[in-house]
PDB file of all heavy atoms in Angstrom:
ATOM      1  N   GLN A   1      18.245   1.339  14.783  1.00  0.00           N
ATOM      2  CA  GLN A   1      17.413   2.404  14.049  1.00  0.00           C
ATOM      3  C   GLN A   1      17.708   2.256  12.541  1.00  0.00           C
ATOM      4  O   GLN A   1      16.640   2.245  11.761  1.00  0.00           O
ATOM      5  CB  GLN A   1      17.698   3.743  14.478  1.00  0.00           C
ATOM      6  CG  GLN A   1      17.342   3.984  16.004  1.00  0.00           C
ATOM      7  CD  GLN A   1      17.670   5.359  16.508  1.00  0.00           C
ATOM      8  OE1 GLN A   1      18.489   5.993  15.909  1.00  0.00           O
ATOM      9  NE2 GLN A   1      17.007   5.759  17.574  1.00  0.00           N
ATOM     10  N   ARG A   2      18.920   2.116  12.235  1.00  0.00           N
ATOM     11  CA  ARG A   2      19.213   2.001  10.787  1.00  0.00           C
ATOM     12  C   ARG A   2      18.593   0.657  10.170  1.00  0.00           C
ATOM     13  O   ARG A   2      18.044   0.631   9.075  1.00  0.00           O
ATOM     14  CB  ARG A   2      20.684   2.023  10.473  1.00  0.00           C
ATOM     15  CG  ARG A   2      21.269   3.478  10.666  1.00  0.00           C
ATOM     16  CD  ARG A   2      22.707   3.496  10.326  1.00  0.00           C
ATOM     17  NE  ARG A   2      23.568   2.536  10.882  1.00  0.00           N
ATOM     18  CZ  ARG A   2      24.331   2.745  11.908  1.00  0.00           C
ATOM     19  NH1 ARG A   2      24.220   4.054  12.510  1.00  0.00           N
ATOM     20  NH2 ARG A   2      25.187   1.951  12.462  1.00  0.00           N
ATOM     21  N   GLU A   3      18.728  -0.383  11.021  1.00  0.00           N
ATOM     22  CA  GLU A   3      18.154  -1.617  10.661  1.00  0.00           C
ATOM     23  C   GLU A   3      16.650  -1.601  10.540  1.00  0.00           C
ATOM     24  O   GLU A   3      16.101  -2.232   9.684  1.00  0.00           O
ATOM     25  CB  GLU A   3      18.750  -2.775  11.574  1.00  0.00           C
ATOM     26  CG  GLU A   3      20.003  -3.006  11.413  1.00  0.00           C
ATOM     27  CD  GLU A   3      20.599  -4.077  12.526  1.00  0.00           C
ATOM     28  OE1 GLU A   3      19.723  -4.465  13.254  1.00  0.00           O
ATOM     29  OE2 GLU A   3      21.724  -4.559  12.416  1.00  0.00           O
ATOM     30  N   PHE A   4      16.074  -0.983  11.509  1.00  0.00           N
ATOM     31  CA  PHE A   4      14.661  -0.788  11.537  1.00  0.00           C
ATOM     32  C   PHE A   4      14.211  -0.138  10.343  1.00  0.00           C
ATOM     33  O   PHE A   4      13.173  -0.465   9.594  1.00  0.00           O
ATOM     34  CB  PHE A   4      14.246  -0.024  12.797  1.00  0.00           C
ATOM     35  CG  PHE A   4      12.763   0.357  12.848  1.00  0.00           C
ATOM     36  CD1 PHE A   4      11.815  -0.670  13.257  1.00  0.00           C
ATOM     37  CD2 PHE A   4      12.233   1.525  12.459  1.00  0.00           C
ATOM     38  CE1 PHE A   4      10.392  -0.324  13.237  1.00  0.00           C
ATOM     39  CE2 PHE A   4      11.003   1.805  12.509  1.00  0.00           C
ATOM     40  CZ  PHE A   4       9.993   0.852  12.850  1.00  0.00           C
ATOM     41  N   VAL A   5      14.760   1.069   9.810  1.00  0.00           N
ATOM     42  CA  VAL A   5      14.282   1.679   8.552  1.00  0.00           C
ATOM     43  C   VAL A   5      14.489   0.781   7.394  1.00  0.00           C
ATOM     44  O   VAL A   5      13.571   0.755   6.556  1.00  0.00           O
ATOM     45  CB  VAL A   5      15.208   2.987   8.458  1.00  0.00           C
ATOM     46  CG1 VAL A   5      14.853   3.616   7.064  1.00  0.00           C
ATOM     47  CG2 VAL A   5      15.080   3.898   9.527  1.00  0.00           C
ATOM     48  N   SER A   6      15.514  -0.013   7.312  1.00  0.00           N
ATOM     49  CA  SER A   6      15.558  -0.901   6.139  1.00  0.00           C
ATOM     50  C   SER A   6      14.580  -1.950   6.353  1.00  0.00           C
ATOM     51  O   SER A   6      13.930  -2.428   5.279  1.00  0.00           O
ATOM     52  CB  SER A   6      17.014  -1.576   6.287  1.00  0.00           C
ATOM     53  OG  SER A   6      17.115  -2.541   5.255  1.00  0.00           O
ATOM     54  N   MET A   7      14.325  -2.568   7.489  1.00  0.00           N
ATOM     55  CA  MET A   7      13.380  -3.587   7.615  1.00  0.00           C
ATOM     56  C   MET A   7      11.938  -3.058   7.489  1.00  0.00           C
ATOM     57  O   MET A   7      11.166  -3.730   6.752  1.00  0.00           O
ATOM     58  CB  MET A   7      13.439  -4.252   9.136  1.00  0.00           C
ATOM     59  CG  MET A   7      12.483  -5.257   9.386  1.00  0.00           C
ATOM     60  SD  MET A   7      12.538  -6.767   8.387  1.00  0.00           S
ATOM     61  CE  MET A   7      14.175  -7.354   9.046  1.00  0.00           C
ATOM     62  N   ALA A   8      11.663  -1.892   7.895  1.00  0.00           N
ATOM     63  CA  ALA A   8      10.287  -1.373   7.910  1.00  0.00           C
ATOM     64  C   ALA A   8       9.981  -1.050   6.381  1.00  0.00           C
ATOM     65  O   ALA A   8       8.849  -1.373   5.840  1.00  0.00           O
ATOM     66  CB  ALA A   8      10.164  -0.150   8.596  1.00  0.00           C
ATOM     67  N   SER A   9      11.012  -0.590   5.688  1.00  0.00           N
ATOM     68  CA  SER A   9      10.680  -0.243   4.189  1.00  0.00           C
ATOM     69  C   SER A   9      10.479  -1.515   3.418  1.00  0.00           C
ATOM     70  O   SER A   9       9.638  -1.457   2.530  1.00  0.00           O
ATOM     71  CB  SER A   9      12.015   0.556   3.663  1.00  0.00           C
ATOM     72  OG  SER A   9      13.125  -0.420   3.710  1.00  0.00           O
ATOM     73  N   HIS A  10      11.038  -2.632   3.795  1.00  0.00           N
ATOM     74  CA  HIS A  10      10.701  -3.911   3.103  1.00  0.00           C
ATOM     75  C   HIS A  10       9.456  -4.509   3.623  1.00  0.00           C
ATOM     76  O   HIS A  10       8.613  -4.850   2.795  1.00  0.00           O
ATOM     77  CB  HIS A  10      11.819  -4.895   3.489  1.00  0.00           C
ATOM     78  CG  HIS A  10      11.738  -6.248   2.961  1.00  0.00           C
ATOM     79  ND1 HIS A  10      11.720  -6.516   1.605  1.00  0.00           N
ATOM     80  CD2 HIS A  10      11.353  -7.490   3.569  1.00  0.00           C
ATOM     81  CE1 HIS A  10      11.448  -7.824   1.390  1.00  0.00           C
ATOM     82  NE2 HIS A  10      11.284  -8.285   2.619  1.00  0.00           N
ATOM     83  N   GLU A  11       9.231  -4.445   4.986  1.00  0.00           N
ATOM     84  CA  GLU A  11       7.922  -5.254   5.430  1.00  0.00           C
ATOM     85  C   GLU A  11       6.764  -4.400   5.320  1.00  0.00           C
ATOM     86  O   GLU A  11       5.707  -4.963   5.099  1.00  0.00           O
ATOM     87  CB  GLU A  11       8.220  -5.572   6.920  1.00  0.00           C
ATOM     88  CG  GLU A  11       9.287  -6.506   7.310  1.00  0.00           C
ATOM     89  CD  GLU A  11       8.913  -7.850   6.879  1.00  0.00           C
ATOM     90  OE1 GLU A  11       7.671  -8.159   6.734  1.00  0.00           O
ATOM     91  OE2 GLU A  11       9.789  -8.712   6.592  1.00  0.00           O
ATOM     92  N   PHE A  12       6.853  -3.027   5.294  1.00  0.00           N
ATOM     93  CA  PHE A  12       5.672  -2.248   5.204  1.00  0.00           C
ATOM     94  C   PHE A  12       5.179  -2.056   3.721  1.00  0.00           C
ATOM     95  O   PHE A  12       4.058  -1.817   3.387  1.00  0.00           O
ATOM     96  CB  PHE A  12       5.928  -0.883   5.792  1.00  0.00           C
ATOM     97  CG  PHE A  12       5.949  -0.885   7.239  1.00  0.00           C
ATOM     98  CD1 PHE A  12       6.391   0.274   7.893  1.00  0.00           C
ATOM     99  CD2 PHE A  12       5.726  -2.114   7.929  1.00  0.00           C
ATOM    100  CE1 PHE A  12       6.369   0.251   9.260  1.00  0.00           C
ATOM    101  CE2 PHE A  12       5.735  -1.953   9.331  1.00  0.00           C
ATOM    102  CZ  PHE A  12       6.112  -0.848   9.994  1.00  0.00           C
ATOM    103  N   ARG A  13       6.224  -2.422   2.745  1.00  0.00           N
ATOM    104  CA  ARG A  13       5.940  -2.181   1.330  1.00  0.00           C
ATOM    105  C   ARG A  13       4.708  -3.108   0.880  1.00  0.00           C
ATOM    106  O   ARG A  13       3.906  -2.529   0.079  1.00  0.00           O
ATOM    107  CB  ARG A  13       7.109  -2.497   0.495  1.00  0.00           C
ATOM    108  CG  ARG A  13       7.006  -2.169  -0.942  1.00  0.00           C
ATOM    109  CD  ARG A  13       8.311  -2.446  -1.683  1.00  0.00           C
ATOM    110  NE  ARG A  13       9.391  -1.649  -1.249  1.00  0.00           N
ATOM    111  CZ  ARG A  13      10.565  -2.066  -0.779  1.00  0.00           C
ATOM    112  NH1 ARG A  13      10.710  -3.382  -0.576  1.00  0.00           N
ATOM    113  NH2 ARG A  13      11.439  -1.186  -0.489  1.00  0.00           N
ATOM    114  N   THR A  14       4.660  -4.320   1.239  1.00  0.00           N
ATOM    115  CA  THR A  14       3.645  -5.232   0.803  1.00  0.00           C
ATOM    116  C   THR A  14       2.225  -4.719   1.269  1.00  0.00           C
ATOM    117  O   THR A  14       1.348  -4.714   0.451  1.00  0.00           O
ATOM    118  CB  THR A  14       4.037  -6.648   1.304  1.00  0.00           C
ATOM    119  OG1 THR A  14       5.177  -7.003   0.656  1.00  0.00           O
ATOM    120  CG2 THR A  14       2.818  -7.588   0.801  1.00  0.00           C
ATOM    121  N   PRO A  15       2.072  -4.674   2.694  1.00  0.00           N
ATOM    122  CA  PRO A  15       0.687  -4.120   2.993  1.00  0.00           C
ATOM    123  C   PRO A  15       0.333  -2.831   2.530  1.00  0.00           C
ATOM    124  O   PRO A  15      -0.945  -2.550   2.267  1.00  0.00           O
ATOM    125  CB  PRO A  15       0.804  -4.174   4.551  1.00  0.00           C
ATOM    126  CG  PRO A  15       2.259  -4.208   4.944  1.00  0.00           C
ATOM    127  CD  PRO A  15       2.863  -4.873   3.783  1.00  0.00           C
ATOM    128  N   LEU A  16       1.285  -1.921   2.353  1.00  0.00           N
ATOM    129  CA  LEU A  16       0.891  -0.607   1.796  1.00  0.00           C
ATOM    130  C   LEU A  16       0.471  -0.685   0.356  1.00  0.00           C
ATOM    131  O   LEU A  16      -0.373  -0.088  -0.143  1.00  0.00           O
ATOM    132  CB  LEU A  16       2.152   0.340   1.910  1.00  0.00           C
ATOM    133  CG  LEU A  16       2.458   0.900   3.297  1.00  0.00           C
ATOM    134  CD1 LEU A  16       3.702   1.650   3.287  1.00  0.00           C
ATOM    135  CD2 LEU A  16       1.313   1.800   3.741  1.00  0.00           C
ATOM    136  N   ALA A  17       1.129  -1.598  -0.526  1.00  0.00           N
ATOM    137  CA  ALA A  17       0.806  -1.855  -1.814  1.00  0.00           C
ATOM    138  C   ALA A  17      -0.544  -2.469  -1.836  1.00  0.00           C
ATOM    139  O   ALA A  17      -1.408  -2.069  -2.781  1.00  0.00           O
ATOM    140  CB  ALA A  17       1.827  -2.775  -2.442  1.00  0.00           C
ATOM    141  N   ILE A  18      -1.025  -3.425  -0.963  1.00  0.00           N
ATOM    142  CA  ILE A  18      -2.243  -4.016  -0.943  1.00  0.00           C
ATOM    143  C   ILE A  18      -3.339  -2.943  -0.650  1.00  0.00           C
ATOM    144  O   ILE A  18      -4.393  -2.829  -1.248  1.00  0.00           O
ATOM    145  CB  ILE A  18      -2.297  -5.041   0.149  1.00  0.00           C
ATOM    146  CG1 ILE A  18      -1.499  -6.277  -0.245  1.00  0.00           C
ATOM    147  CG2 ILE A  18      -3.889  -5.492   0.228  1.00  0.00           C
ATOM    148  CD1 ILE A  18      -1.377  -7.327   0.745  1.00  0.00           C
ATOM    149  N   ILE A  19      -3.048  -2.009   0.332  1.00  0.00           N
ATOM    150  CA  ILE A  19      -4.005  -0.965   0.653  1.00  0.00           C
ATOM    151  C   ILE A  19      -4.145  -0.044  -0.634  1.00  0.00           C
ATOM    152  O   ILE A  19      -5.318   0.282  -0.876  1.00  0.00           O
ATOM    153  CB  ILE A  19      -3.432  -0.179   1.936  1.00  0.00           C
ATOM    154  CG1 ILE A  19      -3.530  -0.968   3.042  1.00  0.00           C
ATOM    155  CG2 ILE A  19      -4.292   1.052   2.119  1.00  0.00           C
ATOM    156  CD1 ILE A  19      -2.909  -0.420   4.316  1.00  0.00           C
ATOM    157  N   ALA A  20      -3.013   0.381  -1.072  1.00  0.00           N
ATOM    158  CA  ALA A  20      -3.204   1.316  -2.221  1.00  0.00           C
ATOM    159  C   ALA A  20      -4.018   0.638  -3.386  1.00  0.00           C
ATOM    160  O   ALA A  20      -4.749   1.253  -4.043  1.00  0.00           O
ATOM    161  CB  ALA A  20      -1.760   1.674  -2.686  1.00  0.00           C
ATOM    162  N   SER A  21      -3.693  -0.667  -3.681  1.00  0.00           N
ATOM    163  CA  SER A  21      -4.235  -1.339  -4.862  1.00  0.00           C
ATOM    164  C   SER A  21      -5.811  -1.352  -4.732  1.00  0.00           C
ATOM    165  O   SER A  21      -6.661  -1.070  -5.485  1.00  0.00           O
ATOM    166  CB  SER A  21      -3.755  -2.667  -5.006  1.00  0.00           C
ATOM    167  OG  SER A  21      -4.371  -3.470  -5.896  1.00  0.00           O
ATOM    168  N   ASN A  22      -6.220  -1.797  -3.368  1.00  0.00           N
ATOM    169  CA  ASN A  22      -7.643  -2.034  -3.138  1.00  0.00           C
ATOM    170  C   ASN A  22      -8.347  -0.677  -3.078  1.00  0.00           C
ATOM    171  O   ASN A  22      -9.495  -0.495  -3.613  1.00  0.00           O
ATOM    172  CB  ASN A  22      -7.807  -2.718  -1.814  1.00  0.00           C
ATOM    173  CG  ASN A  22      -7.653  -4.213  -1.984  1.00  0.00           C
ATOM    174  OD1 ASN A  22      -8.549  -5.010  -2.387  1.00  0.00           O
ATOM    175  ND2 ASN A  22      -6.392  -4.681  -1.632  1.00  0.00           N
ATOM    176  N   ALA A  23      -7.614   0.426  -2.569  1.00  0.00           N
ATOM    177  CA  ALA A  23      -8.335   1.721  -2.401  1.00  0.00           C
ATOM    178  C   ALA A  23      -8.437   2.215  -3.959  1.00  0.00           C
ATOM    179  O   ALA A  23      -9.483   2.887  -4.260  1.00  0.00           O
ATOM    180  CB  ALA A  23      -7.449   2.676  -1.793  1.00  0.00           C
ATOM    181  N   GLN A  24      -7.472   2.024  -4.882  1.00  0.00           N
ATOM    182  CA  GLN A  24      -7.522   2.462  -6.226  1.00  0.00           C
ATOM    183  C   GLN A  24      -8.673   1.840  -6.869  1.00  0.00           C
ATOM    184  O   GLN A  24      -9.501   2.463  -7.776  1.00  0.00           O
ATOM    185  CB  GLN A  24      -6.148   2.295  -6.974  1.00  0.00           C
ATOM    186  CG  GLN A  24      -5.113   3.292  -6.527  1.00  0.00           C
ATOM    187  CD  GLN A  24      -3.794   2.825  -7.159  1.00  0.00           C
ATOM    188  OE1 GLN A  24      -3.673   1.965  -7.895  1.00  0.00           O
ATOM    189  NE2 GLN A  24      -2.668   3.556  -6.697  1.00  0.00           N
ATOM    190  N   ARG A  25      -8.904   0.469  -6.734  1.00  0.00           N
ATOM    191  CA  ARG A  25      -9.887  -0.326  -7.537  1.00  0.00           C
ATOM    192  C   ARG A  25     -11.283   0.308  -7.078  1.00  0.00           C
ATOM    193  O   ARG A  25     -12.217   0.442  -7.831  1.00  0.00           O
ATOM    194  CB  ARG A  25      -9.711  -1.722  -7.278  1.00  0.00           C
ATOM    195  CG  ARG A  25      -8.539  -2.407  -7.903  1.00  0.00           C
ATOM    196  CD  ARG A  25      -8.376  -3.896  -7.613  1.00  0.00           C
ATOM    197  NE  ARG A  25      -7.207  -4.417  -8.244  1.00  0.00           N
ATOM    198  CZ  ARG A  25      -6.879  -5.602  -8.188  1.00  0.00           C
ATOM    199  NH1 ARG A  25      -7.681  -6.485  -7.477  1.00  0.00           N
ATOM    200  NH2 ARG A  25      -5.830  -6.106  -8.845  1.00  0.00           N
ATOM    201  N   LEU A  26     -11.443   0.457  -5.643  1.00  0.00           N
ATOM    202  CA  LEU A  26     -12.664   0.880  -5.230  1.00  0.00           C
ATOM    203  C   LEU A  26     -12.953   2.259  -5.716  1.00  0.00           C
ATOM    204  O   LEU A  26     -13.979   2.620  -6.276  1.00  0.00           O
ATOM    205  CB  LEU A  26     -12.779   0.971  -3.651  1.00  0.00           C
ATOM    206  CG  LEU A  26     -12.807  -0.310  -2.972  1.00  0.00           C
ATOM    207  CD1 LEU A  26     -12.595  -0.200  -1.357  1.00  0.00           C
ATOM    208  CD2 LEU A  26     -14.151  -0.958  -3.165  1.00  0.00           C
ATOM    209  N   GLN A  27     -11.911   3.150  -5.776  1.00  0.00           N
ATOM    210  CA  GLN A  27     -12.128   4.507  -6.388  1.00  0.00           C
ATOM    211  C   GLN A  27     -12.389   4.474  -7.806  1.00  0.00           C
ATOM    212  O   GLN A  27     -13.459   5.238  -8.151  1.00  0.00           O
ATOM    213  CB  GLN A  27     -10.792   5.353  -6.110  1.00  0.00           C
ATOM    214  CG  GLN A  27     -10.923   6.828  -6.457  1.00  0.00           C
ATOM    215  CD  GLN A  27     -11.941   7.572  -5.581  1.00  0.00           C
ATOM    216  OE1 GLN A  27     -11.754   7.278  -4.352  1.00  0.00           O
ATOM    217  NE2 GLN A  27     -12.870   8.223  -6.203  1.00  0.00           N
ATOM    218  N   ARG A  28     -11.868   3.689  -8.659  1.00  0.00           N
ATOM    219  CA  ARG A  28     -12.198   3.467 -10.048  1.00  0.00           C
ATOM    220  C   ARG A  28     -13.706   3.086 -10.269  1.00  0.00           C
ATOM    221  O   ARG A  28     -14.402   3.523 -11.026  1.00  0.00           O
ATOM    222  CB  ARG A  28     -11.339   2.500 -10.724  1.00  0.00           C
ATOM    223  CG  ARG A  28      -9.866   3.166 -11.076  1.00  0.00           C
ATOM    224  CD  ARG A  28      -9.112   2.406 -12.128  1.00  0.00           C
ATOM    225  NE  ARG A  28      -8.963   1.069 -11.562  1.00  0.00           N
ATOM    226  CZ  ARG A  28      -7.732   0.524 -10.956  1.00  0.00           C
ATOM    227  NH1 ARG A  28      -6.823   1.577 -10.689  1.00  0.00           N
ATOM    228  NH2 ARG A  28      -7.494  -0.706 -10.730  1.00  0.00           N
ATOM    229  N   ARG A  29     -13.965   2.110  -9.392  1.00  0.00           N
ATOM    230  CA  ARG A  29     -15.505   1.549  -9.453  1.00  0.00           C
ATOM    231  C   ARG A  29     -16.452   2.653  -9.156  1.00  0.00           C
ATOM    232  O   ARG A  29     -17.474   2.810  -9.736  1.00  0.00           O
ATOM    233  CB  ARG A  29     -15.681   0.247  -8.663  1.00  0.00           C
ATOM    234  CG  ARG A  29     -14.785  -0.969  -9.025  1.00  0.00           C
ATOM    235  CD  ARG A  29     -15.328  -1.516 -10.370  1.00  0.00           C
ATOM    236  NE  ARG A  29     -16.753  -1.975 -10.125  1.00  0.00           N
ATOM    237  CZ  ARG A  29     -16.990  -3.295  -9.676  1.00  0.00           C
ATOM    238  NH1 ARG A  29     -15.906  -4.174  -9.346  1.00  0.00           N
ATOM    239  NH2 ARG A  29     -18.175  -3.707  -9.579  1.00  0.00           N
ATOM    240  N   LEU A  30     -16.180   3.367  -7.974  1.00  0.00           N
ATOM    241  CA  LEU A  30     -16.962   4.539  -7.664  1.00  0.00           C
ATOM    242  C   LEU A  30     -17.019   5.581  -8.576  1.00  0.00           C
ATOM    243  O   LEU A  30     -18.074   6.071  -8.960  1.00  0.00           O
ATOM    244  CB  LEU A  30     -16.436   4.943  -6.270  1.00  0.00           C
ATOM    245  CG  LEU A  30     -16.729   4.067  -5.025  1.00  0.00           C
ATOM    246  CD1 LEU A  30     -16.135   4.660  -3.845  1.00  0.00           C
ATOM    247  CD2 LEU A  30     -18.213   3.784  -4.746  1.00  0.00           C
ATOM    248  N   ASP A  31     -15.874   5.870  -9.189  1.00  0.00           N
ATOM    249  CA  ASP A  31     -15.844   6.953 -10.346  1.00  0.00           C
ATOM    250  C   ASP A  31     -16.581   6.552 -11.550  1.00  0.00           C
ATOM    251  O   ASP A  31     -17.335   7.274 -12.125  1.00  0.00           O
ATOM    252  CB  ASP A  31     -14.321   7.332 -10.679  1.00  0.00           C
ATOM    253  CG  ASP A  31     -13.607   7.923  -9.510  1.00  0.00           C
ATOM    254  OD1 ASP A  31     -14.277   8.512  -8.684  1.00  0.00           O
ATOM    255  OD2 ASP A  31     -12.329   7.985  -9.619  1.00  0.00           O
ATOM    256  N   LYS A  32     -16.430   5.306 -11.899  1.00  0.00           N
ATOM    257  CA  LYS A  32     -17.087   4.868 -13.053  1.00  0.00           C
ATOM    258  C   LYS A  32     -18.690   4.751 -12.904  1.00  0.00           C
ATOM    259  O   LYS A  32     -19.580   5.094 -13.796  1.00  0.00           O
ATOM    260  CB  LYS A  32     -16.608   3.416 -13.433  1.00  0.00           C
ATOM    261  CG  LYS A  32     -17.157   2.877 -14.748  1.00  0.00           C
ATOM    262  CD  LYS A  32     -16.566   1.526 -15.069  1.00  0.00           C
ATOM    263  CE  LYS A  32     -17.090   0.939 -16.419  1.00  0.00           C
ATOM    264  NZ  LYS A  32     -16.474  -0.295 -16.799  1.00  0.00           N
ATOM    265  N   ALA A  33     -19.089   4.257 -11.584  1.00  0.00           N
ATOM    266  CA  ALA A  33     -20.430   4.249 -11.426  1.00  0.00           C
ATOM    267  C   ALA A  33     -21.026   5.665 -11.349  1.00  0.00           C
ATOM    268  O   ALA A  33     -22.294   5.933 -11.595  1.00  0.00           O
ATOM    269  CB  ALA A  33     -20.607   3.585  -9.957  1.00  0.00           C
TER     270      ALA A  33
END
């Protein structure tokens, strides 16, 4: 469980960053429009 938390925090960071980045760009484009 401890290893899972450490692994998950590392492995989930990249896809979460991609989701956040794309969502923010879409939001900015929509706000600007």
